[in-house]
Amino acid sequence: MIDPLRTDLVPLAILGGIGTYAARALPLLAPGADRLPAPVLAYLRLIGPAVLGAIAAANVFVADASLRVGPEAAAVVVGALIGRWRGSLLVGMAASVIAVLLLRATIAA
């Protein structure tokens, strides 16, 4: 089991925070950043969601350095499909939560 109070990853978290802040603060700190080419602006706009998606995927699909497929993985698929179908991140997240609750209750019963 991984110790939740490990301190060796604190520098990595700080660097991640600095990088995230820099990407978000770029339009405020660099005058004329809004005149960057459209692909660059789209790339900068998607950094945050991409990083959060990578963190979530690592927590859902990897356990003890091995691939894991469980209720959470199924809930990710359900949430992504419903969110895309309805065009709402909130609806997709709610569907994921409901799916994982139902699957855990069913599997544990």
PDB file of N, CA and C in Angstrom:
ATOM      1  N   MET A   1       0.835  -1.180   0.000  1.00  0.00           N
ATOM      2  CA  MET A   1       0.000   0.000   0.000  1.00  0.00           C
ATOM      3  C   MET A   1       0.882   1.247   0.000  1.00  0.00           C
ATOM      4  N   ILE A   2       0.444   2.247  -0.726  1.00  0.00           N
ATOM      5  CA  ILE A   2       1.204   3.490  -0.829  1.00  0.00           C
ATOM      6  C   ILE A   2       0.915   4.359   0.383  1.00  0.00           C
ATOM      7  N   ASP A   3       1.983   4.907   0.965  1.00  0.00           N
ATOM      8  CA  ASP A   3       1.837   5.790   2.120  1.00  0.00           C
ATOM      9  C   ASP A   3       1.255   7.123   1.661  1.00  0.00           C
ATOM     10  N   PRO A   4       0.084   7.532   2.174  1.00  0.00           N
ATOM     11  CA  PRO A   4      -0.536   8.781   1.725  1.00  0.00           C
ATOM     12  C   PRO A   4       0.195  10.028   2.209  1.00  0.00           C
ATOM     13  N   LEU A   5       1.128   9.892   3.132  1.00  0.00           N
ATOM     14  CA  LEU A   5       1.834  11.040   3.678  1.00  0.00           C
ATOM     15  C   LEU A   5       3.270  11.140   3.174  1.00  0.00           C
ATOM     16  N   ARG A   6       3.534  10.629   1.996  1.00  0.00           N
ATOM     17  CA  ARG A   6       4.877  10.704   1.421  1.00  0.00           C
ATOM     18  C   ARG A   6       5.230  12.149   1.118  1.00  0.00           C
ATOM     19  N   THR A   7       6.426  12.532   1.451  1.00  0.00           N
ATOM     20  CA  THR A   7       6.850  13.907   1.203  1.00  0.00           C
ATOM     21  C   THR A   7       7.817  14.030   0.042  1.00  0.00           C
ATOM     22  N   ASP A   8       8.235  12.923  -0.544  1.00  0.00           N
ATOM     23  CA  ASP A   8       9.189  13.005  -1.643  1.00  0.00           C
ATOM     24  C   ASP A   8       8.554  13.531  -2.930  1.00  0.00           C
ATOM     25  N   LEU A   9       7.233  13.572  -3.000  1.00  0.00           N
ATOM     26  CA  LEU A   9       6.556  14.072  -4.195  1.00  0.00           C
ATOM     27  C   LEU A   9       6.157  15.541  -4.078  1.00  0.00           C
ATOM     28  N   VAL A  10       6.439  16.177  -2.963  1.00  0.00           N
ATOM     29  CA  VAL A  10       6.071  17.582  -2.771  1.00  0.00           C
ATOM     30  C   VAL A  10       6.739  18.481  -3.812  1.00  0.00           C
ATOM     31  N   PRO A  11       8.041  18.333  -4.086  1.00  0.00           N
ATOM     32  CA  PRO A  11       8.635  19.185  -5.127  1.00  0.00           C
ATOM     33  C   PRO A  11       7.956  19.018  -6.494  1.00  0.00           C
ATOM     34  N   LEU A  12       7.560  17.806  -6.817  1.00  0.00           N
ATOM     35  CA  LEU A  12       6.865  17.577  -8.076  1.00  0.00           C
ATOM     36  C   LEU A  12       5.518  18.301  -8.093  1.00  0.00           C
ATOM     37  N   ALA A  13       4.806  18.272  -6.986  1.00  0.00           N
ATOM     38  CA  ALA A  13       3.525  18.979  -6.897  1.00  0.00           C
ATOM     39  C   ALA A  13       3.729  20.483  -7.031  1.00  0.00           C
ATOM     40  N   ILE A  14       4.777  20.998  -6.430  1.00  0.00           N
ATOM     41  CA  ILE A  14       5.057  22.434  -6.525  1.00  0.00           C
ATOM     42  C   ILE A  14       5.392  22.817  -7.961  1.00  0.00           C
ATOM     43  N   LEU A  15       6.209  22.013  -8.628  1.00  0.00           N
ATOM     44  CA  LEU A  15       6.532  22.284 -10.031  1.00  0.00           C
ATOM     45  C   LEU A  15       5.288  22.210 -10.918  1.00  0.00           C
ATOM     46  N   GLY A  16       4.438  21.257 -10.643  1.00  0.00           N
ATOM     47  CA  GLY A  16       3.187  21.157 -11.394  1.00  0.00           C
ATOM     48  C   GLY A  16       2.312  22.374 -11.189  1.00  0.00           C
ATOM     49  N   GLY A  17       2.248  22.860  -9.955  1.00  0.00           N
ATOM     50  CA  GLY A  17       1.470  24.070  -9.671  1.00  0.00           C
ATOM     51  C   GLY A  17       2.034  25.289 -10.374  1.00  0.00           C
ATOM     52  N   ILE A  18       3.360  25.412 -10.395  1.00  0.00           N
ATOM     53  CA  ILE A  18       3.992  26.540 -11.081  1.00  0.00           C
ATOM     54  C   ILE A  18       3.706  26.472 -12.583  1.00  0.00           C
ATOM     55  N   GLY A  19       3.810  25.289 -13.151  1.00  0.00           N
ATOM     56  CA  GLY A  19       3.524  25.136 -14.581  1.00  0.00           C
ATOM     57  C   GLY A  19       2.081  25.440 -14.920  1.00  0.00           C
ATOM     58  N   THR A  20       1.163  24.979 -14.089  1.00  0.00           N
ATOM     59  CA  THR A  20      -0.248  25.246 -14.314  1.00  0.00           C
ATOM     60  C   THR A  20      -0.543  26.735 -14.184  1.00  0.00           C
ATOM     61  N   TYR A  21       0.033  27.354 -13.163  1.00  0.00           N
ATOM     62  CA  TYR A  21      -0.170  28.792 -12.971  1.00  0.00           C
ATOM     63  C   TYR A  21       0.381  29.570 -14.157  1.00  0.00           C
ATOM     64  N   ALA A  22       1.559  29.190 -14.629  1.00  0.00           N
ATOM     65  CA  ALA A  22       2.162  29.896 -15.754  1.00  0.00           C
ATOM     66  C   ALA A  22       1.285  29.793 -16.997  1.00  0.00           C
ATOM     67  N   ALA A  23       0.729  28.621 -17.253  1.00  0.00           N
ATOM     68  CA  ALA A  23      -0.123  28.453 -18.426  1.00  0.00           C
ATOM     69  C   ALA A  23      -1.403  29.264 -18.300  1.00  0.00           C
ATOM     70  N   ARG A  24      -1.959  29.328 -17.093  1.00  0.00           N
ATOM     71  CA  ARG A  24      -3.203  30.084 -16.893  1.00  0.00           C
ATOM     72  C   ARG A  24      -2.958  31.585 -16.852  1.00  0.00           C
ATOM     73  N   ALA A  25      -1.808  32.009 -16.339  1.00  0.00           N
ATOM     74  CA  ALA A  25      -1.531  33.430 -16.167  1.00  0.00           C
ATOM     75  C   ALA A  25      -0.909  34.061 -17.405  1.00  0.00           C
ATOM     76  N   LEU A  26      -0.567  33.274 -18.400  1.00  0.00           N
ATOM     77  CA  LEU A  26       0.084  33.811 -19.593  1.00  0.00           C
ATOM     78  C   LEU A  26      -0.684  34.975 -20.220  1.00  0.00           C
ATOM     79  N   PRO A  27      -1.990  34.874 -20.411  1.00  0.00           N
ATOM     80  CA  PRO A  27      -2.699  36.007 -21.019  1.00  0.00           C
ATOM     81  C   PRO A  27      -2.647  37.281 -20.159  1.00  0.00           C
ATOM     82  N   LEU A  28      -2.551  37.135 -18.853  1.00  0.00           N
ATOM     83  CA  LEU A  28      -2.502  38.303 -17.977  1.00  0.00           C
ATOM     84  C   LEU A  28      -1.112  38.908 -17.908  1.00  0.00           C
ATOM     85  N   LEU A  29      -0.097  38.055 -17.948  1.00  0.00           N
ATOM     86  CA  LEU A  29       1.271  38.518 -17.753  1.00  0.00           C
ATOM     87  C   LEU A  29       1.974  38.926 -19.039  1.00  0.00           C
ATOM     88  N   ALA A  30       1.527  38.411 -20.166  1.00  0.00           N
ATOM     89  CA  ALA A  30       2.182  38.710 -21.445  1.00  0.00           C
ATOM     90  C   ALA A  30       1.232  39.512 -22.328  1.00  0.00           C
ATOM     91  N   PRO A  31       1.460  40.811 -22.429  1.00  0.00           N
ATOM     92  CA  PRO A  31       0.580  41.605 -23.302  1.00  0.00           C
ATOM     93  C   PRO A  31       0.705  41.134 -24.748  1.00  0.00           C
ATOM     94  N   GLY A  32      -0.406  41.037 -25.400  1.00  0.00           N
ATOM     95  CA  GLY A  32      -0.404  40.584 -26.786  1.00  0.00           C
ATOM     96  C   GLY A  32      -0.530  39.086 -26.938  1.00  0.00           C
ATOM     97  N   ALA A  33      -0.695  38.372 -25.838  1.00  0.00           N
ATOM     98  CA  ALA A  33      -0.823  36.915 -25.937  1.00  0.00           C
ATOM     99  C   ALA A  33      -2.092  36.531 -26.672  1.00  0.00           C
ATOM    100  N   ASP A  34      -3.081  37.417 -26.665  1.00  0.00           N
ATOM    101  CA  ASP A  34      -4.323  37.122 -27.377  1.00  0.00           C
ATOM    102  C   ASP A  34      -4.141  37.182 -28.891  1.00  0.00           C
ATOM    103  N   ARG A  35      -3.005  37.705 -29.338  1.00  0.00           N
ATOM    104  CA  ARG A  35      -2.716  37.770 -30.773  1.00  0.00           C
ATOM    105  C   ARG A  35      -1.910  36.567 -31.266  1.00  0.00           C
ATOM    106  N   LEU A  36      -1.721  35.586 -30.405  1.00  0.00           N
ATOM    107  CA  LEU A  36      -1.025  34.367 -30.835  1.00  0.00           C
ATOM    108  C   LEU A  36      -1.882  33.634 -31.858  1.00  0.00           C
ATOM    109  N   PRO A  37      -1.285  32.786 -32.667  1.00  0.00           N
ATOM    110  CA  PRO A  37      -2.078  32.009 -33.637  1.00  0.00           C
ATOM    111  C   PRO A  37      -3.136  31.151 -32.933  1.00  0.00           C
ATOM    112  N   ALA A  38      -4.232  30.929 -33.614  1.00  0.00           N
ATOM    113  CA  ALA A  38      -5.352  30.169 -33.047  1.00  0.00           C
ATOM    114  C   ALA A  38      -4.944  28.784 -32.543  1.00  0.00           C
ATOM    115  N   PRO A  39      -4.104  28.029 -33.268  1.00  0.00           N
ATOM    116  CA  PRO A  39      -3.715  26.708 -32.736  1.00  0.00           C
ATOM    117  C   PRO A  39      -2.953  26.801 -31.412  1.00  0.00           C
ATOM    118  N   VAL A  40      -2.141  27.829 -31.246  1.00  0.00           N
ATOM    119  CA  VAL A  40      -1.397  27.998 -29.994  1.00  0.00           C
ATOM    120  C   VAL A  40      -2.356  28.324 -28.860  1.00  0.00           C
ATOM    121  N   LEU A  41      -3.320  29.208 -29.108  1.00  0.00           N
ATOM    122  CA  LEU A  41      -4.310  29.546 -28.086  1.00  0.00           C
ATOM    123  C   LEU A  41      -5.146  28.321 -27.704  1.00  0.00           C
ATOM    124  N   ALA A  42      -5.525  27.517 -28.691  1.00  0.00           N
ATOM    125  CA  ALA A  42      -6.285  26.299 -28.403  1.00  0.00           C
ATOM    126  C   ALA A  42      -5.453  25.331 -27.571  1.00  0.00           C
ATOM    127  N   TYR A  43      -4.176  25.210 -27.896  1.00  0.00           N
ATOM    128  CA  TYR A  43      -3.275  24.344 -27.142  1.00  0.00           C
ATOM    129  C   TYR A  43      -3.174  24.809 -25.690  1.00  0.00           C
ATOM    130  N   LEU A  44      -2.965  26.089 -25.485  1.00  0.00           N
ATOM    131  CA  LEU A  44      -2.845  26.621 -24.121  1.00  0.00           C
ATOM    132  C   LEU A  44      -4.148  26.454 -23.338  1.00  0.00           C
ATOM    133  N   ARG A  45      -5.266  26.592 -24.018  1.00  0.00           N
ATOM    134  CA  ARG A  45      -6.562  26.459 -23.360  1.00  0.00           C
ATOM    135  C   ARG A  45      -6.821  25.014 -22.909  1.00  0.00           C
ATOM    136  N   LEU A  46      -6.218  24.061 -23.585  1.00  0.00           N
ATOM    137  CA  LEU A  46      -6.480  22.648 -23.289  1.00  0.00           C
ATOM    138  C   LEU A  46      -5.442  22.000 -22.378  1.00  0.00           C
ATOM    139  N   ILE A  47      -4.437  22.750 -21.931  1.00  0.00           N
ATOM    140  CA  ILE A  47      -3.414  22.177 -21.055  1.00  0.00           C
ATOM    141  C   ILE A  47      -4.025  21.697 -19.739  1.00  0.00           C
ATOM    142  N   GLY A  48      -4.810  22.530 -19.099  1.00  0.00           N
ATOM    143  CA  GLY A  48      -5.412  22.170 -17.812  1.00  0.00           C
ATOM    144  C   GLY A  48      -6.263  20.916 -17.874  1.00  0.00           C
ATOM    145  N   PRO A  49      -7.262  20.867 -18.784  1.00  0.00           N
ATOM    146  CA  PRO A  49      -8.070  19.648 -18.882  1.00  0.00           C
ATOM    147  C   PRO A  49      -7.254  18.403 -19.237  1.00  0.00           C
ATOM    148  N   ALA A  50      -6.224  18.563 -20.061  1.00  0.00           N
ATOM    149  CA  ALA A  50      -5.395  17.407 -20.429  1.00  0.00           C
ATOM    150  C   ALA A  50      -4.637  16.867 -19.225  1.00  0.00           C
ATOM    151  N   VAL A  51      -4.086  17.754 -18.419  1.00  0.00           N
ATOM    152  CA  VAL A  51      -3.348  17.317 -17.233  1.00  0.00           C
ATOM    153  C   VAL A  51      -4.295  16.656 -16.232  1.00  0.00           C
ATOM    154  N   LEU A  52      -5.454  17.261 -16.006  1.00  0.00           N
ATOM    155  CA  LEU A  52      -6.421  16.653 -15.086  1.00  0.00           C
ATOM    156  C   LEU A  52      -6.893  15.296 -15.593  1.00  0.00           C
ATOM    157  N   GLY A  53      -7.095  15.187 -16.901  1.00  0.00           N
ATOM    158  CA  GLY A  53      -7.482  13.894 -17.481  1.00  0.00           C
ATOM    159  C   GLY A  53      -6.413  12.839 -17.291  1.00  0.00           C
ATOM    160  N   ALA A  54      -5.156  13.223 -17.443  1.00  0.00           N
ATOM    161  CA  ALA A  54      -4.058  12.272 -17.255  1.00  0.00           C
ATOM    162  C   ALA A  54      -3.970  11.816 -15.803  1.00  0.00           C
ATOM    163  N   ILE A  55      -4.146  12.750 -14.883  1.00  0.00           N
ATOM    164  CA  ILE A  55      -4.114  12.390 -13.458  1.00  0.00           C
ATOM    165  C   ILE A  55      -5.272  11.458 -13.127  1.00  0.00           C
ATOM    166  N   ALA A  56      -6.457  11.789 -13.621  1.00  0.00           N
ATOM    167  CA  ALA A  56      -7.629  10.950 -13.352  1.00  0.00           C
ATOM    168  C   ALA A  56      -7.453   9.565 -13.959  1.00  0.00           C
ATOM    169  N   ALA A  57      -6.958   9.495 -15.180  1.00  0.00           N
ATOM    170  CA  ALA A  57      -6.771   8.194 -15.834  1.00  0.00           C
ATOM    171  C   ALA A  57      -5.769   7.338 -15.076  1.00  0.00           C
ATOM    172  N   ALA A  58      -4.707   7.953 -14.595  1.00  0.00           N
ATOM    173  CA  ALA A  58      -3.722   7.194 -13.834  1.00  0.00           C
ATOM    174  C   ALA A  58      -4.318   6.653 -12.542  1.00  0.00           C
ATOM    175  N   ASN A  59      -5.181   7.427 -11.917  1.00  0.00           N
ATOM    176  CA  ASN A  59      -5.795   6.979 -10.666  1.00  0.00           C
ATOM    177  C   ASN A  59      -6.890   5.944 -10.887  1.00  0.00           C
ATOM    178  N   VAL A  60      -7.520   5.967 -12.046  1.00  0.00           N
ATOM    179  CA  VAL A  60      -8.619   5.033 -12.319  1.00  0.00           C
ATOM    180  C   VAL A  60      -8.112   3.713 -12.875  1.00  0.00           C
ATOM    181  N   PHE A  61      -7.139   3.771 -13.770  1.00  0.00           N
ATOM    182  CA  PHE A  61      -6.742   2.576 -14.505  1.00  0.00           C
ATOM    183  C   PHE A  61      -5.469   1.907 -14.025  1.00  0.00           C
ATOM    184  N   VAL A  62      -4.732   2.505 -13.100  1.00  0.00           N
ATOM    185  CA  VAL A  62      -3.466   1.929 -12.647  1.00  0.00           C
ATOM    186  C   VAL A  62      -3.492   1.776 -11.134  1.00  0.00           C
ATOM    187  N   ALA A  63      -3.168   0.576 -10.684  1.00  0.00           N
ATOM    188  CA  ALA A  63      -3.067   0.312  -9.244  1.00  0.00           C
ATOM    189  C   ALA A  63      -1.871  -0.594  -9.013  1.00  0.00           C
ATOM    190  N   ASP A  64      -1.007  -0.191  -8.121  1.00  0.00           N
ATOM    191  CA  ASP A  64       0.185  -0.986  -7.803  1.00  0.00           C
ATOM    192  C   ASP A  64       0.991  -1.320  -9.059  1.00  0.00           C
ATOM    193  N   ALA A  65       1.173  -0.328  -9.926  1.00  0.00           N
ATOM    194  CA  ALA A  65       1.977  -0.442 -11.147  1.00  0.00           C
ATOM    195  C   ALA A  65       1.447  -1.486 -12.123  1.00  0.00           C
ATOM    196  N   SER A  66       0.153  -1.767 -12.083  1.00  0.00           N
ATOM    197  CA  SER A  66      -0.436  -2.674 -13.051  1.00  0.00           C
ATOM    198  C   SER A  66      -1.786  -2.123 -13.507  1.00  0.00           C
ATOM    199  N   LEU A  67      -2.194  -2.527 -14.689  1.00  0.00           N
ATOM    200  CA  LEU A  67      -3.459  -2.077 -15.255  1.00  0.00           C
ATOM    201  C   LEU A  67      -4.617  -2.672 -14.475  1.00  0.00           C
ATOM    202  N   ARG A  68      -5.599  -1.837 -14.186  1.00  0.00           N
ATOM    203  CA  ARG A  68      -6.765  -2.278 -13.418  1.00  0.00           C
ATOM    204  C   ARG A  68      -8.016  -1.836 -14.158  1.00  0.00           C
ATOM    205  N   VAL A  69      -8.963  -2.728 -14.297  1.00  0.00           N
ATOM    206  CA  VAL A  69     -10.256  -2.387 -14.878  1.00  0.00           C
ATOM    207  C   VAL A  69     -11.310  -2.807 -13.868  1.00  0.00           C
ATOM    208  N   GLY A  70     -12.016  -1.829 -13.336  1.00  0.00           N
ATOM    209  CA  GLY A  70     -13.036  -2.090 -12.334  1.00  0.00           C
ATOM    210  C   GLY A  70     -14.221  -1.181 -12.548  1.00  0.00           C
ATOM    211  N   PRO A  71     -15.005  -0.986 -11.516  1.00  0.00           N
ATOM    212  CA  PRO A  71     -16.190  -0.132 -11.635  1.00  0.00           C
ATOM    213  C   PRO A  71     -15.858   1.290 -12.066  1.00  0.00           C
ATOM    214  N   GLU A  72     -14.727   1.791 -11.613  1.00  0.00           N
ATOM    215  CA  GLU A  72     -14.347   3.158 -11.959  1.00  0.00           C
ATOM    216  C   GLU A  72     -14.095   3.298 -13.451  1.00  0.00           C
ATOM    217  N   ALA A  73     -13.460   2.295 -14.054  1.00  0.00           N
ATOM    218  CA  ALA A  73     -13.186   2.335 -15.488  1.00  0.00           C
ATOM    219  C   ALA A  73     -14.488   2.327 -16.286  1.00  0.00           C
ATOM    220  N   ALA A  74     -15.427   1.497 -15.881  1.00  0.00           N
ATOM    221  CA  ALA A  74     -16.727   1.468 -16.554  1.00  0.00           C
ATOM    222  C   ALA A  74     -17.454   2.801 -16.379  1.00  0.00           C
ATOM    223  N   ALA A  75     -17.323   3.403 -15.202  1.00  0.00           N
ATOM    224  CA  ALA A  75     -17.968   4.690 -14.953  1.00  0.00           C
ATOM    225  C   ALA A  75     -17.366   5.790 -15.822  1.00  0.00           C
ATOM    226  N   VAL A  76     -16.071   5.711 -16.086  1.00  0.00           N
ATOM    227  CA  VAL A  76     -15.426   6.698 -16.971  1.00  0.00           C
ATOM    228  C   VAL A  76     -16.031   6.608 -18.370  1.00  0.00           C
ATOM    229  N   VAL A  77     -16.179   5.397 -18.863  1.00  0.00           N
ATOM    230  CA  VAL A  77     -16.748   5.205 -20.202  1.00  0.00           C
ATOM    231  C   VAL A  77     -18.189   5.700 -20.239  1.00  0.00           C
ATOM    232  N   VAL A  78     -18.984   5.340 -19.238  1.00  0.00           N
ATOM    233  CA  VAL A  78     -20.378   5.782 -19.175  1.00  0.00           C
ATOM    234  C   VAL A  78     -20.457   7.303 -19.125  1.00  0.00           C
ATOM    235  N   GLY A  79     -19.658   7.912 -18.269  1.00  0.00           N
ATOM    236  CA  GLY A  79     -19.674   9.368 -18.145  1.00  0.00           C
ATOM    237  C   GLY A  79     -19.238  10.070 -19.418  1.00  0.00           C
ATOM    238  N   ALA A  80     -18.218   9.531 -20.080  1.00  0.00           N
ATOM    239  CA  ALA A  80     -17.750  10.142 -21.328  1.00  0.00           C
ATOM    240  C   ALA A  80     -18.811  10.057 -22.420  1.00  0.00           C
ATOM    241  N   LEU A  81     -19.443   8.902 -22.534  1.00  0.00           N
ATOM    242  CA  LEU A  81     -20.468   8.743 -23.572  1.00  0.00           C
ATOM    243  C   LEU A  81     -21.678   9.628 -23.309  1.00  0.00           C
ATOM    244  N   ILE A  82     -22.152   9.631 -22.084  1.00  0.00           N
ATOM    245  CA  ILE A  82     -23.331  10.443 -21.762  1.00  0.00           C
ATOM    246  C   ILE A  82     -22.994  11.931 -21.816  1.00  0.00           C
ATOM    247  N   GLY A  83     -21.831  12.298 -21.333  1.00  0.00           N
ATOM    248  CA  GLY A  83     -21.426  13.701 -21.406  1.00  0.00           C
ATOM    249  C   GLY A  83     -21.314  14.192 -22.838  1.00  0.00           C
ATOM    250  N   ARG A  84     -20.760  13.366 -23.698  1.00  0.00           N
ATOM    251  CA  ARG A  84     -20.637  13.737 -25.116  1.00  0.00           C
ATOM    252  C   ARG A  84     -22.013  13.807 -25.775  1.00  0.00           C
ATOM    253  N   TRP A  85     -22.870  12.835 -25.458  1.00  0.00           N
ATOM    254  CA  TRP A  85     -24.214  12.786 -26.036  1.00  0.00           C
ATOM    255  C   TRP A  85     -25.035  14.003 -25.620  1.00  0.00           C
ATOM    256  N   ARG A  86     -24.969  14.357 -24.331  1.00  0.00           N
ATOM    257  CA  ARG A  86     -25.751  15.490 -23.829  1.00  0.00           C
ATOM    258  C   ARG A  86     -25.033  16.817 -24.012  1.00  0.00           C
ATOM    259  N   GLY A  87     -23.750  16.791 -24.294  1.00  0.00           N
ATOM    260  CA  GLY A  87     -22.988  18.020 -24.473  1.00  0.00           C
ATOM    261  C   GLY A  87     -22.757  18.769 -23.174  1.00  0.00           C
ATOM    262  N   SER A  88     -22.698  18.028 -22.071  1.00  0.00           N
ATOM    263  CA  SER A  88     -22.543  18.671 -20.766  1.00  0.00           C
ATOM    264  C   SER A  88     -21.579  17.868 -19.904  1.00  0.00           C
ATOM    265  N   LEU A  89     -20.532  18.547 -19.438  1.00  0.00           N
ATOM    266  CA  LEU A  89     -19.576  17.900 -18.548  1.00  0.00           C
ATOM    267  C   LEU A  89     -20.239  17.539 -17.222  1.00  0.00           C
ATOM    268  N   LEU A  90     -21.116  18.407 -16.729  1.00  0.00           N
ATOM    269  CA  LEU A  90     -21.791  18.148 -15.457  1.00  0.00           C
ATOM    270  C   LEU A  90     -22.657  16.890 -15.526  1.00  0.00           C
ATOM    271  N   VAL A  91     -23.393  16.734 -16.590  1.00  0.00           N
ATOM    272  CA  VAL A  91     -24.241  15.543 -16.743  1.00  0.00           C
ATOM    273  C   VAL A  91     -23.371  14.291 -16.849  1.00  0.00           C
ATOM    274  N   GLY A  92     -22.261  14.379 -17.575  1.00  0.00           N
ATOM    275  CA  GLY A  92     -21.357  13.241 -17.694  1.00  0.00           C
ATOM    276  C   GLY A  92     -20.739  12.857 -16.364  1.00  0.00           C
ATOM    277  N   MET A  93     -20.337  13.864 -15.584  1.00  0.00           N
ATOM    278  CA  MET A  93     -19.754  13.573 -14.270  1.00  0.00           C
ATOM    279  C   MET A  93     -20.797  12.967 -13.330  1.00  0.00           C
ATOM    280  N   ALA A  94     -22.004  13.493 -13.369  1.00  0.00           N
ATOM    281  CA  ALA A  94     -23.070  12.935 -12.531  1.00  0.00           C
ATOM    282  C   ALA A  94     -23.358  11.487 -12.931  1.00  0.00           C
ATOM    283  N   ALA A  95     -23.372  11.213 -14.218  1.00  0.00           N
ATOM    284  CA  ALA A  95     -23.593   9.843 -14.697  1.00  0.00           C
ATOM    285  C   ALA A  95     -22.468   8.920 -14.235  1.00  0.00           C
ATOM    286  N   SER A  96     -21.230   9.421 -14.242  1.00  0.00           N
ATOM    287  CA  SER A  96     -20.099   8.620 -13.768  1.00  0.00           C
ATOM    288  C   SER A  96     -20.237   8.284 -12.294  1.00  0.00           C
ATOM    289  N   VAL A  97     -20.607   9.265 -11.505  1.00  0.00           N
ATOM    290  CA  VAL A  97     -20.762   9.040 -10.061  1.00  0.00           C
ATOM    291  C   VAL A  97     -21.865   8.023  -9.801  1.00  0.00           C
ATOM    292  N   ILE A  98     -22.993   8.180 -10.476  1.00  0.00           N
ATOM    293  CA  ILE A  98     -24.106   7.250 -10.289  1.00  0.00           C
ATOM    294  C   ILE A  98     -23.708   5.846 -10.746  1.00  0.00           C
ATOM    295  N   ALA A  99     -23.004   5.766 -11.883  1.00  0.00           N
ATOM    296  CA  ALA A  99     -22.583   4.454 -12.386  1.00  0.00           C
ATOM    297  C   ALA A  99     -21.645   3.758 -11.416  1.00  0.00           C
ATOM    298  N   VAL A 100     -20.659   4.472 -10.879  1.00  0.00           N
ATOM    299  CA  VAL A 100     -19.714   3.830  -9.963  1.00  0.00           C
ATOM    300  C   VAL A 100     -20.411   3.441  -8.661  1.00  0.00           C
ATOM    301  N   LEU A 101     -21.344   4.247  -8.196  1.00  0.00           N
ATOM    302  CA  LEU A 101     -22.082   3.875  -6.983  1.00  0.00           C
ATOM    303  C   LEU A 101     -22.910   2.617  -7.206  1.00  0.00           C
ATOM    304  N   LEU A 102     -23.599   2.551  -8.332  1.00  0.00           N
ATOM    305  CA  LEU A 102     -24.414   1.371  -8.625  1.00  0.00           C
ATOM    306  C   LEU A 102     -23.548   0.121  -8.814  1.00  0.00           C
ATOM    307  N   LEU A 103     -22.436   0.278  -9.533  1.00  0.00           N
ATOM    308  CA  LEU A 103     -21.568  -0.887  -9.755  1.00  0.00           C
ATOM    309  C   LEU A 103     -20.928  -1.376  -8.463  1.00  0.00           C
ATOM    310  N   ARG A 104     -20.482  -0.455  -7.619  1.00  0.00           N
ATOM    311  CA  ARG A 104     -19.897  -0.883  -6.346  1.00  0.00           C
ATOM    312  C   ARG A 104     -20.931  -1.557  -5.462  1.00  0.00           C
ATOM    313  N   ALA A 105     -22.151  -1.030  -5.448  1.00  0.00           N
ATOM    314  CA  ALA A 105     -23.207  -1.635  -4.631  1.00  0.00           C
ATOM    315  C   ALA A 105     -23.577  -3.017  -5.170  1.00  0.00           C
ATOM    316  N   THR A 106     -23.586  -3.154  -6.491  1.00  0.00           N
ATOM    317  CA  THR A 106     -23.944  -4.437  -7.095  1.00  0.00           C
ATOM    318  C   THR A 106     -22.834  -5.471  -6.901  1.00  0.00           C
ATOM    319  N   ILE A 107     -21.597  -5.056  -7.097  1.00  0.00           N
ATOM    320  CA  ILE A 107     -20.473  -5.985  -6.984  1.00  0.00           C
ATOM    321  C   ILE A 107     -20.276  -6.404  -5.536  1.00  0.00           C
ATOM    322  N   ALA A 108     -20.453  -5.472  -4.610  1.00  0.00           N
ATOM    323  CA  ALA A 108     -20.238  -5.794  -3.191  1.00  0.00           C
ATOM    324  C   ALA A 108     -21.356  -6.619  -2.607  1.00  0.00           C
ATOM    325  N   ALA A 109     -22.524  -6.596  -3.233  1.00  0.00           N
ATOM    326  CA  ALA A 109     -23.682  -7.333  -2.686  1.00  0.00           C
ATOM    327  C   ALA A 109     -23.570  -8.817  -2.890  1.00  0.00           C
TER     328      ALA A 109
END
